[in-house]
Amino acid sequence: MNHNRTYVEGDFAQAFSRIHAQARAGEMIWYADAQGDTMFNRSQLRKQTDELGAIAERVPELAQDVRAIQDLIHRILRNAGYLWVSGD
């Protein structure tokens, strides 16, 4: 099986970091390891889209970051992919 990879950097990484800093224990994004690698599967990504909306409600200044990450998640889901977060 050939897995195509898409790399995102810059704004996405910064947006993810800002959101991660505001995540609560138990939310999927909270489990991302800043020093190691974290892989999210499709069912975890579906759960994250709702949780990201809750984060945007709690921290309105992250709304644009949340939209960017949600758009990325939707692209991943359309392509039946995974989100791999490479820490440190």
PDB file of N, CA and C in Angstrom:
ATOM      1  N   MET A   1       0.843  -1.177   0.000  1.00  0.00           N
ATOM      2  CA  MET A   1       0.000   0.000   0.000  1.00  0.00           C
ATOM      3  C   MET A   1       0.889   1.241   0.000  1.00  0.00           C
ATOM      4  N   ASN A   2       0.571   2.170  -0.839  1.00  0.00           N
ATOM      5  CA  ASN A   2       1.332   3.409  -0.953  1.00  0.00           C
ATOM      6  C   ASN A   2       0.619   4.512  -0.171  1.00  0.00           C
ATOM      7  N   HIS A   3       1.271   5.036   0.820  1.00  0.00           N
ATOM      8  CA  HIS A   3       0.698   6.128   1.607  1.00  0.00           C
ATOM      9  C   HIS A   3       1.340   7.438   1.163  1.00  0.00           C
ATOM     10  N   ASN A   4       0.519   8.324   0.648  1.00  0.00           N
ATOM     11  CA  ASN A   4       1.015   9.646   0.282  1.00  0.00           C
ATOM     12  C   ASN A   4       1.060  10.502   1.532  1.00  0.00           C
ATOM     13  N   ARG A   5       2.113  11.250   1.670  1.00  0.00           N
ATOM     14  CA  ARG A   5       2.267  12.118   2.829  1.00  0.00           C
ATOM     15  C   ARG A   5       2.153  13.566   2.402  1.00  0.00           C
ATOM     16  N   THR A   6       1.544  14.325   3.260  1.00  0.00           N
ATOM     17  CA  THR A   6       1.469  15.765   3.089  1.00  0.00           C
ATOM     18  C   THR A   6       2.049  16.379   4.348  1.00  0.00           C
ATOM     19  N   TYR A   7       3.007  17.244   4.180  1.00  0.00           N
ATOM     20  CA  TYR A   7       3.654  17.882   5.324  1.00  0.00           C
ATOM     21  C   TYR A   7       3.098  19.289   5.496  1.00  0.00           C
ATOM     22  N   VAL A   8       2.814  19.636   6.728  1.00  0.00           N
ATOM     23  CA  VAL A   8       2.375  20.996   7.039  1.00  0.00           C
ATOM     24  C   VAL A   8       3.330  21.559   8.069  1.00  0.00           C
ATOM     25  N   GLU A   9       3.626  22.810   7.921  1.00  0.00           N
ATOM     26  CA  GLU A   9       4.582  23.459   8.817  1.00  0.00           C
ATOM     27  C   GLU A   9       4.098  24.858   9.134  1.00  0.00           C
ATOM     28  N   GLY A  10       4.947  25.601   9.755  1.00  0.00           N
ATOM     29  CA  GLY A  10       4.702  27.030   9.989  1.00  0.00           C
ATOM     30  C   GLY A  10       3.429  27.292  10.750  1.00  0.00           C
ATOM     31  N   ASP A  11       2.459  27.911  10.085  1.00  0.00           N
ATOM     32  CA  ASP A  11       1.227  28.333  10.744  1.00  0.00           C
ATOM     33  C   ASP A  11       0.480  27.172  11.380  1.00  0.00           C
ATOM     34  N   PHE A  12       0.454  26.012  10.697  1.00  0.00           N
ATOM     35  CA  PHE A  12      -0.252  24.860  11.264  1.00  0.00           C
ATOM     36  C   PHE A  12       0.412  24.411  12.555  1.00  0.00           C
ATOM     37  N   ALA A  13       1.719  24.333  12.548  1.00  0.00           N
ATOM     38  CA  ALA A  13       2.437  23.898  13.748  1.00  0.00           C
ATOM     39  C   ALA A  13       2.211  24.878  14.894  1.00  0.00           C
ATOM     40  N   GLN A  14       2.235  26.154  14.581  1.00  0.00           N
ATOM     41  CA  GLN A  14       2.014  27.161  15.623  1.00  0.00           C
ATOM     42  C   GLN A  14       0.577  27.116  16.133  1.00  0.00           C
ATOM     43  N   ALA A  15      -0.373  26.969  15.201  1.00  0.00           N
ATOM     44  CA  ALA A  15      -1.783  26.883  15.594  1.00  0.00           C
ATOM     45  C   ALA A  15      -2.008  25.657  16.471  1.00  0.00           C
ATOM     46  N   PHE A  16      -1.447  24.521  16.066  1.00  0.00           N
ATOM     47  CA  PHE A  16      -1.592  23.302  16.847  1.00  0.00           C
ATOM     48  C   PHE A  16      -1.018  23.498  18.248  1.00  0.00           C
ATOM     49  N   SER A  17       0.141  24.130  18.344  1.00  0.00           N
ATOM     50  CA  SER A  17       0.771  24.368  19.647  1.00  0.00           C
ATOM     51  C   SER A  17      -0.081  25.258  20.541  1.00  0.00           C
ATOM     52  N   ARG A  18      -0.657  26.303  19.960  1.00  0.00           N
ATOM     53  CA  ARG A  18      -1.511  27.201  20.753  1.00  0.00           C
ATOM     54  C   ARG A  18      -2.753  26.469  21.265  1.00  0.00           C
ATOM     55  N   ILE A  19      -3.348  25.649  20.401  1.00  0.00           N
ATOM     56  CA  ILE A  19      -4.534  24.892  20.801  1.00  0.00           C
ATOM     57  C   ILE A  19      -4.150  23.849  21.847  1.00  0.00           C
ATOM     58  N   HIS A  20      -3.048  23.163  21.611  1.00  0.00           N
ATOM     59  CA  HIS A  20      -2.583  22.125  22.544  1.00  0.00           C
ATOM     60  C   HIS A  20      -2.391  22.712  23.942  1.00  0.00           C
ATOM     61  N   ALA A  21      -1.893  23.924  24.016  1.00  0.00           N
ATOM     62  CA  ALA A  21      -1.660  24.575  25.308  1.00  0.00           C
ATOM     63  C   ALA A  21      -2.965  24.834  26.070  1.00  0.00           C
ATOM     64  N   GLN A  22      -4.079  24.912  25.351  1.00  0.00           N
ATOM     65  CA  GLN A  22      -5.373  25.188  25.980  1.00  0.00           C
ATOM     66  C   GLN A  22      -6.233  23.937  26.150  1.00  0.00           C
ATOM     67  N   ALA A  23      -5.754  22.803  25.675  1.00  0.00           N
ATOM     68  CA  ALA A  23      -6.536  21.565  25.758  1.00  0.00           C
ATOM     69  C   ALA A  23      -6.630  21.090  27.199  1.00  0.00           C
ATOM     70  N   ARG A  24      -7.725  20.454  27.490  1.00  0.00           N
ATOM     71  CA  ARG A  24      -7.951  19.900  28.819  1.00  0.00           C
ATOM     72  C   ARG A  24      -7.624  18.412  28.813  1.00  0.00           C
ATOM     73  N   ALA A  25      -7.242  17.919  29.974  1.00  0.00           N
ATOM     74  CA  ALA A  25      -6.964  16.489  30.105  1.00  0.00           C
ATOM     75  C   ALA A  25      -8.153  15.684  29.601  1.00  0.00           C
ATOM     76  N   GLY A  26      -7.865  14.700  28.785  1.00  0.00           N
ATOM     77  CA  GLY A  26      -8.906  13.847  28.224  1.00  0.00           C
ATOM     78  C   GLY A  26      -9.303  14.219  26.810  1.00  0.00           C
ATOM     79  N   GLU A  27      -9.061  15.467  26.398  1.00  0.00           N
ATOM     80  CA  GLU A  27      -9.338  15.840  25.009  1.00  0.00           C
ATOM     81  C   GLU A  27      -8.236  15.248  24.132  1.00  0.00           C
ATOM     82  N   MET A  28      -8.607  14.772  22.960  1.00  0.00           N
ATOM     83  CA  MET A  28      -7.662  14.081  22.087  1.00  0.00           C
ATOM     84  C   MET A  28      -6.380  14.871  21.853  1.00  0.00           C
ATOM     85  N   ILE A  29      -6.502  16.144  21.578  1.00  0.00           N
ATOM     86  CA  ILE A  29      -5.313  16.951  21.260  1.00  0.00           C
ATOM     87  C   ILE A  29      -4.378  17.056  22.473  1.00  0.00           C
ATOM     88  N   TRP A  30      -4.926  16.921  23.658  1.00  0.00           N
ATOM     89  CA  TRP A  30      -4.129  16.978  24.884  1.00  0.00           C
ATOM     90  C   TRP A  30      -3.097  15.848  24.918  1.00  0.00           C
ATOM     91  N   TYR A  31      -3.419  14.722  24.269  1.00  0.00           N
ATOM     92  CA  TYR A  31      -2.536  13.561  24.277  1.00  0.00           C
ATOM     93  C   TYR A  31      -1.327  13.704  23.354  1.00  0.00           C
ATOM     94  N   ALA A  32      -1.311  14.714  22.510  1.00  0.00           N
ATOM     95  CA  ALA A  32      -0.155  14.917  21.621  1.00  0.00           C
ATOM     96  C   ALA A  32       1.084  15.168  22.474  1.00  0.00           C
ATOM     97  N   ASP A  33       2.144  14.455  22.172  1.00  0.00           N
ATOM     98  CA  ASP A  33       3.393  14.549  22.931  1.00  0.00           C
ATOM     99  C   ASP A  33       4.309  15.576  22.272  1.00  0.00           C
ATOM    100  N   ALA A  34       4.606  16.641  22.988  1.00  0.00           N
ATOM    101  CA  ALA A  34       5.438  17.711  22.422  1.00  0.00           C
ATOM    102  C   ALA A  34       6.872  17.260  22.162  1.00  0.00           C
ATOM    103  N   GLN A  35       7.332  16.231  22.866  1.00  0.00           N
ATOM    104  CA  GLN A  35       8.706  15.763  22.676  1.00  0.00           C
ATOM    105  C   GLN A  35       8.782  14.514  21.793  1.00  0.00           C
ATOM    106  N   GLY A  36       7.699  13.824  21.626  1.00  0.00           N
ATOM    107  CA  GLY A  36       7.706  12.592  20.835  1.00  0.00           C
ATOM    108  C   GLY A  36       6.741  12.700  19.667  1.00  0.00           C
ATOM    109  N   ASP A  37       6.478  11.585  19.047  1.00  0.00           N
ATOM    110  CA  ASP A  37       5.546  11.548  17.924  1.00  0.00           C
ATOM    111  C   ASP A  37       4.199  11.017  18.393  1.00  0.00           C
ATOM    112  N   THR A  38       3.143  11.560  17.813  1.00  0.00           N
ATOM    113  CA  THR A  38       1.787  11.130  18.135  1.00  0.00           C
ATOM    114  C   THR A  38       1.035  10.907  16.835  1.00  0.00           C
ATOM    115  N   MET A  39       0.324   9.788  16.744  1.00  0.00           N
ATOM    116  CA  MET A  39      -0.474   9.461  15.567  1.00  0.00           C
ATOM    117  C   MET A  39      -1.939   9.412  15.985  1.00  0.00           C
ATOM    118  N   PHE A  40      -2.783  10.125  15.232  1.00  0.00           N
ATOM    119  CA  PHE A  40      -4.223  10.101  15.467  1.00  0.00           C
ATOM    120  C   PHE A  40      -4.884   9.374  14.303  1.00  0.00           C
ATOM    121  N   ASN A  41      -5.742   8.399  14.623  1.00  0.00           N
ATOM    122  CA  ASN A  41      -6.470   7.677  13.578  1.00  0.00           C
ATOM    123  C   ASN A  41      -7.777   8.402  13.254  1.00  0.00           C
ATOM    124  N   ARG A  42      -8.527   7.854  12.308  1.00  0.00           N
ATOM    125  CA  ARG A  42      -9.732   8.534  11.838  1.00  0.00           C
ATOM    126  C   ARG A  42     -10.791   8.695  12.930  1.00  0.00           C
ATOM    127  N   SER A  43     -10.997   7.691  13.760  1.00  0.00           N
ATOM    128  CA  SER A  43     -12.022   7.847  14.806  1.00  0.00           C
ATOM    129  C   SER A  43     -11.587   8.899  15.829  1.00  0.00           C
ATOM    130  N   GLN A  44     -10.315   8.961  16.126  1.00  0.00           N
ATOM    131  CA  GLN A  44      -9.808   9.993  17.032  1.00  0.00           C
ATOM    132  C   GLN A  44      -9.930  11.373  16.400  1.00  0.00           C
ATOM    133  N   LEU A  45      -9.691  11.467  15.100  1.00  0.00           N
ATOM    134  CA  LEU A  45      -9.810  12.755  14.416  1.00  0.00           C
ATOM    135  C   LEU A  45     -11.254  13.237  14.397  1.00  0.00           C
ATOM    136  N   ARG A  46     -12.197  12.319  14.186  1.00  0.00           N
ATOM    137  CA  ARG A  46     -13.608  12.718  14.215  1.00  0.00           C
ATOM    138  C   ARG A  46     -13.970  13.295  15.584  1.00  0.00           C
ATOM    139  N   LYS A  47     -13.487  12.654  16.624  1.00  0.00           N
ATOM    140  CA  LYS A  47     -13.743  13.152  17.985  1.00  0.00           C
ATOM    141  C   LYS A  47     -13.089  14.519  18.184  1.00  0.00           C
ATOM    142  N   GLN A  48     -11.912  14.710  17.610  1.00  0.00           N
ATOM    143  CA  GLN A  48     -11.199  15.980  17.773  1.00  0.00           C
ATOM    144  C   GLN A  48     -11.949  17.151  17.171  1.00  0.00           C
ATOM    145  N   THR A  49     -12.667  16.936  16.078  1.00  0.00           N
ATOM    146  CA  THR A  49     -13.358  18.071  15.464  1.00  0.00           C
ATOM    147  C   THR A  49     -14.360  18.679  16.435  1.00  0.00           C
ATOM    148  N   ASP A  50     -15.087  17.844  17.186  1.00  0.00           N
ATOM    149  CA  ASP A  50     -16.026  18.363  18.187  1.00  0.00           C
ATOM    150  C   ASP A  50     -15.283  19.024  19.340  1.00  0.00           C
ATOM    151  N   GLU A  51     -14.227  18.371  19.801  1.00  0.00           N
ATOM    152  CA  GLU A  51     -13.453  18.920  20.913  1.00  0.00           C
ATOM    153  C   GLU A  51     -12.808  20.253  20.543  1.00  0.00           C
ATOM    154  N   LEU A  52     -12.370  20.373  19.311  1.00  0.00           N
ATOM    155  CA  LEU A  52     -11.778  21.643  18.869  1.00  0.00           C
ATOM    156  C   LEU A  52     -12.807  22.760  18.910  1.00  0.00           C
ATOM    157  N   GLY A  53     -14.042  22.441  18.527  1.00  0.00           N
ATOM    158  CA  GLY A  53     -15.113  23.433  18.620  1.00  0.00           C
ATOM    159  C   GLY A  53     -15.317  23.903  20.047  1.00  0.00           C
ATOM    160  N   ALA A  54     -15.224  22.973  21.001  1.00  0.00           N
ATOM    161  CA  ALA A  54     -15.370  23.331  22.414  1.00  0.00           C
ATOM    162  C   ALA A  54     -14.215  24.220  22.869  1.00  0.00           C
ATOM    163  N   ILE A  55     -13.027  23.941  22.383  1.00  0.00           N
ATOM    164  CA  ILE A  55     -11.866  24.782  22.722  1.00  0.00           C
ATOM    165  C   ILE A  55     -12.072  26.197  22.181  1.00  0.00           C
ATOM    166  N   ALA A  56     -12.564  26.298  20.958  1.00  0.00           N
ATOM    167  CA  ALA A  56     -12.817  27.625  20.366  1.00  0.00           C
ATOM    168  C   ALA A  56     -13.856  28.397  21.169  1.00  0.00           C
ATOM    169  N   GLU A  57     -14.834  27.699  21.728  1.00  0.00           N
ATOM    170  CA  GLU A  57     -15.832  28.372  22.563  1.00  0.00           C
ATOM    171  C   GLU A  57     -15.227  28.839  23.879  1.00  0.00           C
ATOM    172  N   ARG A  58     -14.344  28.021  24.456  1.00  0.00           N
ATOM    173  CA  ARG A  58     -13.698  28.396  25.720  1.00  0.00           C
ATOM    174  C   ARG A  58     -12.680  29.508  25.547  1.00  0.00           C
ATOM    175  N   VAL A  59     -11.976  29.468  24.399  1.00  0.00           N
ATOM    176  CA  VAL A  59     -10.896  30.426  24.136  1.00  0.00           C
ATOM    177  C   VAL A  59     -11.144  31.035  22.741  1.00  0.00           C
ATOM    178  N   PRO A  60     -12.029  32.033  22.657  1.00  0.00           N
ATOM    179  CA  PRO A  60     -12.427  32.579  21.359  1.00  0.00           C
ATOM    180  C   PRO A  60     -11.275  33.085  20.492  1.00  0.00           C
ATOM    181  N   GLU A  61     -10.188  33.531  21.123  1.00  0.00           N
ATOM    182  CA  GLU A  61      -9.072  34.033  20.309  1.00  0.00           C
ATOM    183  C   GLU A  61      -8.383  32.909  19.528  1.00  0.00           C
ATOM    184  N   LEU A  62      -8.728  31.652  19.798  1.00  0.00           N
ATOM    185  CA  LEU A  62      -8.166  30.524  19.041  1.00  0.00           C
ATOM    186  C   LEU A  62      -9.074  30.074  17.899  1.00  0.00           C
ATOM    187  N   ALA A  63     -10.160  30.781  17.667  1.00  0.00           N
ATOM    188  CA  ALA A  63     -11.138  30.364  16.652  1.00  0.00           C
ATOM    189  C   ALA A  63     -10.495  30.173  15.270  1.00  0.00           C
ATOM    190  N   GLN A  64      -9.643  31.080  14.860  1.00  0.00           N
ATOM    191  CA  GLN A  64      -8.997  30.960  13.544  1.00  0.00           C
ATOM    192  C   GLN A  64      -8.062  29.748  13.512  1.00  0.00           C
ATOM    193  N   ASP A  65      -7.309  29.541  14.581  1.00  0.00           N
ATOM    194  CA  ASP A  65      -6.439  28.365  14.662  1.00  0.00           C
ATOM    195  C   ASP A  65      -7.257  27.084  14.599  1.00  0.00           C
ATOM    196  N   VAL A  66      -8.359  27.065  15.336  1.00  0.00           N
ATOM    197  CA  VAL A  66      -9.222  25.881  15.362  1.00  0.00           C
ATOM    198  C   VAL A  66      -9.765  25.593  13.967  1.00  0.00           C
ATOM    199  N   ARG A  67     -10.222  26.622  13.259  1.00  0.00           N
ATOM    200  CA  ARG A  67     -10.736  26.417  11.897  1.00  0.00           C
ATOM    201  C   ARG A  67      -9.668  25.828  10.991  1.00  0.00           C
ATOM    202  N   ALA A  68      -8.448  26.331  11.101  1.00  0.00           N
ATOM    203  CA  ALA A  68      -7.354  25.825  10.256  1.00  0.00           C
ATOM    204  C   ALA A  68      -7.090  24.349  10.540  1.00  0.00           C
ATOM    205  N   ILE A  69      -7.062  23.969  11.808  1.00  0.00           N
ATOM    206  CA  ILE A  69      -6.809  22.572  12.160  1.00  0.00           C
ATOM    207  C   ILE A  69      -8.004  21.703  11.778  1.00  0.00           C
ATOM    208  N   GLN A  70      -9.219  22.202  11.976  1.00  0.00           N
ATOM    209  CA  GLN A  70     -10.400  21.441  11.565  1.00  0.00           C
ATOM    210  C   GLN A  70     -10.408  21.227  10.055  1.00  0.00           C
ATOM    211  N   ASP A  71     -10.038  22.228   9.282  1.00  0.00           N
ATOM    212  CA  ASP A  71      -9.953  22.061   7.823  1.00  0.00           C
ATOM    213  C   ASP A  71      -8.934  20.990   7.457  1.00  0.00           C
ATOM    214  N   LEU A  72      -7.802  20.998   8.130  1.00  0.00           N
ATOM    215  CA  LEU A  72      -6.785  19.981   7.895  1.00  0.00           C
ATOM    216  C   LEU A  72      -7.336  18.595   8.236  1.00  0.00           C
ATOM    217  N   ILE A  73      -8.021  18.474   9.352  1.00  0.00           N
ATOM    218  CA  ILE A  73      -8.603  17.193   9.751  1.00  0.00           C
ATOM    219  C   ILE A  73      -9.614  16.718   8.715  1.00  0.00           C
ATOM    220  N   HIS A  74     -10.438  17.616   8.206  1.00  0.00           N
ATOM    221  CA  HIS A  74     -11.425  17.230   7.188  1.00  0.00           C
ATOM    222  C   HIS A  74     -10.739  16.719   5.922  1.00  0.00           C
ATOM    223  N   ARG A  75      -9.645  17.358   5.531  1.00  0.00           N
ATOM    224  CA  ARG A  75      -8.871  16.864   4.374  1.00  0.00           C
ATOM    225  C   ARG A  75      -8.338  15.469   4.643  1.00  0.00           C
ATOM    226  N   ILE A  76      -7.816  15.264   5.834  1.00  0.00           N
ATOM    227  CA  ILE A  76      -7.278  13.954   6.196  1.00  0.00           C
ATOM    228  C   ILE A  76      -8.383  12.899   6.152  1.00  0.00           C
ATOM    229  N   LEU A  77      -9.534  13.215   6.710  1.00  0.00           N
ATOM    230  CA  LEU A  77     -10.643  12.267   6.729  1.00  0.00           C
ATOM    231  C   LEU A  77     -11.139  11.945   5.320  1.00  0.00           C
ATOM    232  N   ARG A  78     -11.210  12.946   4.444  1.00  0.00           N
ATOM    233  CA  ARG A  78     -11.623  12.700   3.055  1.00  0.00           C
ATOM    234  C   ARG A  78     -10.683  11.737   2.346  1.00  0.00           C
ATOM    235  N   ASN A  79      -9.412  11.795   2.717  1.00  0.00           N
ATOM    236  CA  ASN A  79      -8.406  10.941   2.081  1.00  0.00           C
ATOM    237  C   ASN A  79      -8.119   9.669   2.882  1.00  0.00           C
ATOM    238  N   ALA A  80      -8.961   9.397   3.885  1.00  0.00           N
ATOM    239  CA  ALA A  80      -8.805   8.196   4.727  1.00  0.00           C
ATOM    240  C   ALA A  80      -7.410   8.089   5.309  1.00  0.00           C
ATOM    241  N   GLY A  81      -6.901   9.209   5.793  1.00  0.00           N
ATOM    242  CA  GLY A  81      -5.542   9.233   6.305  1.00  0.00           C
ATOM    243  C   GLY A  81      -5.468   9.298   7.814  1.00  0.00           C
ATOM    244  N   TYR A  82      -4.287   9.612   8.286  1.00  0.00           N
ATOM    245  CA  TYR A  82      -3.975   9.742   9.695  1.00  0.00           C
ATOM    246  C   TYR A  82      -3.264  11.075   9.900  1.00  0.00           C
ATOM    247  N   LEU A  83      -3.316  11.563  11.123  1.00  0.00           N
ATOM    248  CA  LEU A  83      -2.557  12.771  11.461  1.00  0.00           C
ATOM    249  C   LEU A  83      -1.399  12.349  12.343  1.00  0.00           C
ATOM    250  N   TRP A  84      -0.215  12.622  11.864  1.00  0.00           N
ATOM    251  CA  TRP A  84       0.999  12.306  12.608  1.00  0.00           C
ATOM    252  C   TRP A  84       1.592  13.620  13.065  1.00  0.00           C
ATOM    253  N   VAL A  85       1.702  13.788  14.371  1.00  0.00           N
ATOM    254  CA  VAL A  85       2.275  14.991  14.959  1.00  0.00           C
ATOM    255  C   VAL A  85       3.689  14.641  15.400  1.00  0.00           C
ATOM    256  N   SER A  86       4.637  15.303  14.783  1.00  0.00           N
ATOM    257  CA  SER A  86       6.038  15.045  15.097  1.00  0.00           C
ATOM    258  C   SER A  86       6.504  16.073  16.120  1.00  0.00           C
ATOM    259  N   GLY A  87       6.785  15.611  17.319  1.00  0.00           N
ATOM    260  CA  GLY A  87       7.193  16.507  18.378  1.00  0.00           C
ATOM    261  C   GLY A  87       8.666  16.851  18.272  1.00  0.00           C
ATOM    262  N   ASP A  88       9.040  17.872  19.021  1.00  0.00           N
ATOM    263  CA  ASP A  88      10.432  18.300  19.213  1.00  0.00           C
ATOM    264  C   ASP A  88      11.259  18.225  18.001  1.00  0.00           C
TER     265      ASP A  88
END
